[in-house]
Amino acid sequence: QLHLTMSENKELTKSLDMVQKELQEKESEMKREVSEYKARLLQAEKEHQDALAEANQKNEVGIEACRDKMNSLQHFISSQKFEIEQLKSNRAEQLNNSLKETNHILGELLKTEVR
């Protein structure tokens, strides 16, 4: 019976060793997979940050272009307003001169009529 018990013990030890080896292999494989997933996650985060930085850069360039265009349009509007004011002023001056001339002619006609 001792021999049988020793034999069973040996079989159980052998079986236990095999189970422990399998567990160690599974643990190693799981650690490797975790390491792979971490590396993938880091790579994905880096790509995301790079894409975000690129998008921000493009947005900044677009915003700056819009600011430049807006400043240009504001300058154009200011120059157009100035030109309109000058035209109004010139037109008023022309009308005033024309009115003076008409009044002068009218005055001359009235003098001629009175004589």
C-alpha atoms as a PDB file:
ATOM      1  CA  GLN A   1       0.000   0.000   0.000  1.00  0.00           C
ATOM      2  CA  LEU A   2       2.913   2.329   0.689  1.00  0.00           C
ATOM      3  CA  HIS A   3       4.146   1.645  -2.804  1.00  0.00           C
ATOM      4  CA  LEU A   4       0.686   2.450  -4.215  1.00  0.00           C
ATOM      5  CA  THR A   5       0.500   5.662  -2.166  1.00  0.00           C
ATOM      6  CA  MET A   6       3.995   6.629  -3.261  1.00  0.00           C
ATOM      7  CA  SER A   7       3.024   5.969  -6.866  1.00  0.00           C
ATOM      8  CA  GLU A   8      -0.157   8.066  -6.523  1.00  0.00           C
ATOM      9  CA  ASN A   9       1.866  10.802  -4.849  1.00  0.00           C
ATOM     10  CA  LYS A  10       4.323  10.726  -7.733  1.00  0.00           C
ATOM     11  CA  GLU A  11       1.466  10.911 -10.270  1.00  0.00           C
ATOM     12  CA  LEU A  12      -0.174  13.751  -8.359  1.00  0.00           C
ATOM     13  CA  THR A  13       3.133  15.605  -8.127  1.00  0.00           C
ATOM     14  CA  LYS A  14       3.662  15.111 -11.838  1.00  0.00           C
ATOM     15  CA  SER A  15       0.128  16.297 -12.546  1.00  0.00           C
ATOM     16  CA  LEU A  16       0.603  19.291 -10.241  1.00  0.00           C
ATOM     17  CA  ASP A  17       3.850  20.188 -12.006  1.00  0.00           C
ATOM     18  CA  MET A  18       2.091  20.024 -15.370  1.00  0.00           C
ATOM     19  CA  VAL A  19      -0.754  22.226 -14.106  1.00  0.00           C
ATOM     20  CA  GLN A  20       1.733  24.717 -12.629  1.00  0.00           C
ATOM     21  CA  LYS A  21       3.666  24.761 -15.912  1.00  0.00           C
ATOM     22  CA  GLU A  22       0.456  25.349 -17.858  1.00  0.00           C
ATOM     23  CA  LEU A  23      -0.490  28.142 -15.458  1.00  0.00           C
ATOM     24  CA  GLN A  24       2.927  29.743 -15.841  1.00  0.00           C
ATOM     25  CA  GLU A  25       2.646  29.532 -19.623  1.00  0.00           C
ATOM     26  CA  LYS A  26      -0.853  31.074 -19.499  1.00  0.00           C
ATOM     27  CA  GLU A  27       0.399  33.783 -17.145  1.00  0.00           C
ATOM     28  CA  SER A  28       3.324  34.548 -19.479  1.00  0.00           C
ATOM     29  CA  GLU A  29       0.986  34.655 -22.464  1.00  0.00           C
ATOM     30  CA  MET A  30      -1.441  36.935 -20.632  1.00  0.00           C
ATOM     31  CA  LYS A  31       1.403  39.249 -19.580  1.00  0.00           C
ATOM     32  CA  ARG A  32       2.586  39.380 -23.185  1.00  0.00           C
ATOM     33  CA  GLU A  33      -0.961  40.172 -24.386  1.00  0.00           C
ATOM     34  CA  VAL A  34      -1.363  42.873 -21.726  1.00  0.00           C
ATOM     35  CA  SER A  35       1.952  44.333 -22.792  1.00  0.00           C
ATOM     36  CA  GLU A  36       0.828  44.286 -26.448  1.00  0.00           C
ATOM     37  CA  TYR A  37      -2.479  45.966 -25.580  1.00  0.00           C
ATOM     38  CA  LYS A  38      -0.676  48.635 -23.559  1.00  0.00           C
ATOM     39  CA  ALA A  39       1.665  49.286 -26.480  1.00  0.00           C
ATOM     40  CA  ARG A  40      -1.313  49.520 -28.862  1.00  0.00           C
ATOM     41  CA  LEU A  41      -3.103  51.858 -26.475  1.00  0.00           C
ATOM     42  CA  LEU A  42      -0.050  54.101 -26.196  1.00  0.00           C
ATOM     43  CA  GLN A  43       0.300  54.136 -29.982  1.00  0.00           C
ATOM     44  CA  ALA A  44      -3.402  54.969 -30.419  1.00  0.00           C
ATOM     45  CA  GLU A  45      -3.136  57.763 -27.836  1.00  0.00           C
ATOM     46  CA  LYS A  46      -0.066  59.157 -29.607  1.00  0.00           C
ATOM     47  CA  GLU A  47      -1.828  59.047 -32.979  1.00  0.00           C
ATOM     48  CA  HIS A  48      -4.868  60.725 -31.427  1.00  0.00           C
ATOM     49  CA  GLN A  49      -2.716  63.480 -29.895  1.00  0.00           C
ATOM     50  CA  ASP A  50      -0.883  63.969 -33.201  1.00  0.00           C
ATOM     51  CA  ALA A  51      -4.180  64.206 -35.109  1.00  0.00           C
ATOM     52  CA  LEU A  52      -5.546  66.620 -32.510  1.00  0.00           C
ATOM     53  CA  ALA A  53      -2.426  68.794 -32.730  1.00  0.00           C
ATOM     54  CA  GLU A  54      -2.635  68.807 -36.533  1.00  0.00           C
ATOM     55  CA  ALA A  55      -6.330  69.744 -36.444  1.00  0.00           C
ATOM     56  CA  ASN A  56      -5.591  72.535 -33.957  1.00  0.00           C
ATOM     57  CA  GLN A  57      -2.807  73.830 -36.188  1.00  0.00           C
ATOM     58  CA  LYS A  58      -5.106  73.812 -39.228  1.00  0.00           C
ATOM     59  CA  ASN A  59      -7.790  75.608 -37.226  1.00  0.00           C
ATOM     60  CA  GLU A  60      -5.301  78.251 -36.088  1.00  0.00           C
ATOM     61  CA  VAL A  61      -4.212  78.797 -39.689  1.00  0.00           C
ATOM     62  CA  GLY A  62      -7.864  79.059 -40.764  1.00  0.00           C
ATOM     63  CA  ILE A  63      -8.669  81.476 -37.947  1.00  0.00           C
ATOM     64  CA  GLU A  64      -5.684  83.641 -38.835  1.00  0.00           C
ATOM     65  CA  ALA A  65      -6.731  83.660 -42.512  1.00  0.00           C
ATOM     66  CA  CYS A  66     -10.251  84.712 -41.477  1.00  0.00           C
ATOM     67  CA  ARG A  67      -8.849  87.481 -39.271  1.00  0.00           C
ATOM     68  CA  ASP A  68      -6.709  88.736 -42.141  1.00  0.00           C
ATOM     69  CA  LYS A  69      -9.689  88.676 -44.497  1.00  0.00           C
ATOM     70  CA  MET A  70     -11.872  90.445 -41.935  1.00  0.00           C
ATOM     71  CA  ASN A  71      -9.220  93.149 -41.423  1.00  0.00           C
ATOM     72  CA  SER A  72      -8.915  93.552 -45.172  1.00  0.00           C
ATOM     73  CA  LEU A  73     -12.699  93.876 -45.538  1.00  0.00           C
ATOM     74  CA  GLN A  74     -12.853  96.382 -42.677  1.00  0.00           C
ATOM     75  CA  HIS A  75     -10.153  98.440 -44.374  1.00  0.00           C
ATOM     76  CA  PHE A  76     -12.025  98.216 -47.676  1.00  0.00           C
ATOM     77  CA  ILE A  77     -15.280  99.301 -45.993  1.00  0.00           C
ATOM     78  CA  SER A  78     -13.517 102.229 -44.321  1.00  0.00           C
ATOM     79  CA  SER A  79     -12.028 103.360 -47.617  1.00  0.00           C
ATOM     80  CA  GLN A  80     -15.428 103.036 -49.325  1.00  0.00           C
ATOM     81  CA  LYS A  81     -17.076 105.104 -46.560  1.00  0.00           C
ATOM     82  CA  PHE A  82     -14.376 107.742 -46.936  1.00  0.00           C
ATOM     83  CA  GLU A  83     -14.869 107.806 -50.701  1.00  0.00           C
ATOM     84  CA  ILE A  84     -18.651 108.111 -50.280  1.00  0.00           C
ATOM     85  CA  GLU A  85     -18.193 111.016 -47.868  1.00  0.00           C
ATOM     86  CA  GLN A  86     -15.841 112.712 -50.333  1.00  0.00           C
ATOM     87  CA  LEU A  87     -18.328 112.207 -53.156  1.00  0.00           C
ATOM     88  CA  LYS A  88     -21.118 113.637 -50.980  1.00  0.00           C
ATOM     89  CA  SER A  89     -18.932 116.594 -50.096  1.00  0.00           C
ATOM     90  CA  ASN A  90     -17.983 117.190 -53.747  1.00  0.00           C
ATOM     91  CA  ARG A  91     -21.609 116.857 -54.833  1.00  0.00           C
ATOM     92  CA  ALA A  92     -22.739 119.305 -52.143  1.00  0.00           C
ATOM     93  CA  GLU A  93     -20.027 121.725 -53.232  1.00  0.00           C
ATOM     94  CA  GLN A  94     -21.092 121.361 -56.876  1.00  0.00           C
ATOM     95  CA  LEU A  95     -24.733 121.939 -55.949  1.00  0.00           C
ATOM     96  CA  ASN A  96     -23.772 124.952 -53.867  1.00  0.00           C
ATOM     97  CA  ASN A  97     -21.722 126.418 -56.731  1.00  0.00           C
ATOM     98  CA  SER A  98     -24.533 125.710 -59.167  1.00  0.00           C
ATOM     99  CA  LEU A  99     -27.006 127.401 -56.828  1.00  0.00           C
ATOM    100  CA  LYS A 100     -24.717 130.436 -56.519  1.00  0.00           C
ATOM    101  CA  GLU A 101     -24.387 130.622 -60.285  1.00  0.00           C
ATOM    102  CA  THR A 102     -28.143 130.310 -60.744  1.00  0.00           C
ATOM    103  CA  ASN A 103     -28.720 133.026 -58.144  1.00  0.00           C
ATOM    104  CA  HIS A 104     -26.167 135.224 -59.894  1.00  0.00           C
ATOM    105  CA  ILE A 105     -27.857 134.692 -63.268  1.00  0.00           C
ATOM    106  CA  LEU A 106     -31.240 135.318 -61.680  1.00  0.00           C
ATOM    107  CA  GLY A 107     -29.882 138.504 -60.133  1.00  0.00           C
ATOM    108  CA  GLU A 108     -28.547 139.634 -63.507  1.00  0.00           C
ATOM    109  CA  LEU A 109     -31.871 138.863 -65.163  1.00  0.00           C
ATOM    110  CA  LEU A 110     -33.736 140.778 -62.495  1.00  0.00           C
ATOM    111  CA  LYS A 111     -31.406 143.765 -62.958  1.00  0.00           C
ATOM    112  CA  THR A 112     -31.964 143.595 -66.692  1.00  0.00           C
ATOM    113  CA  GLU A 113     -35.724 143.494 -66.221  1.00  0.00           C
ATOM    114  CA  VAL A 114     -35.730 146.379 -63.788  1.00  0.00           C
ATOM    115  CA  ARG A 115     -33.880 148.680 -66.242  1.00  0.00           C
END
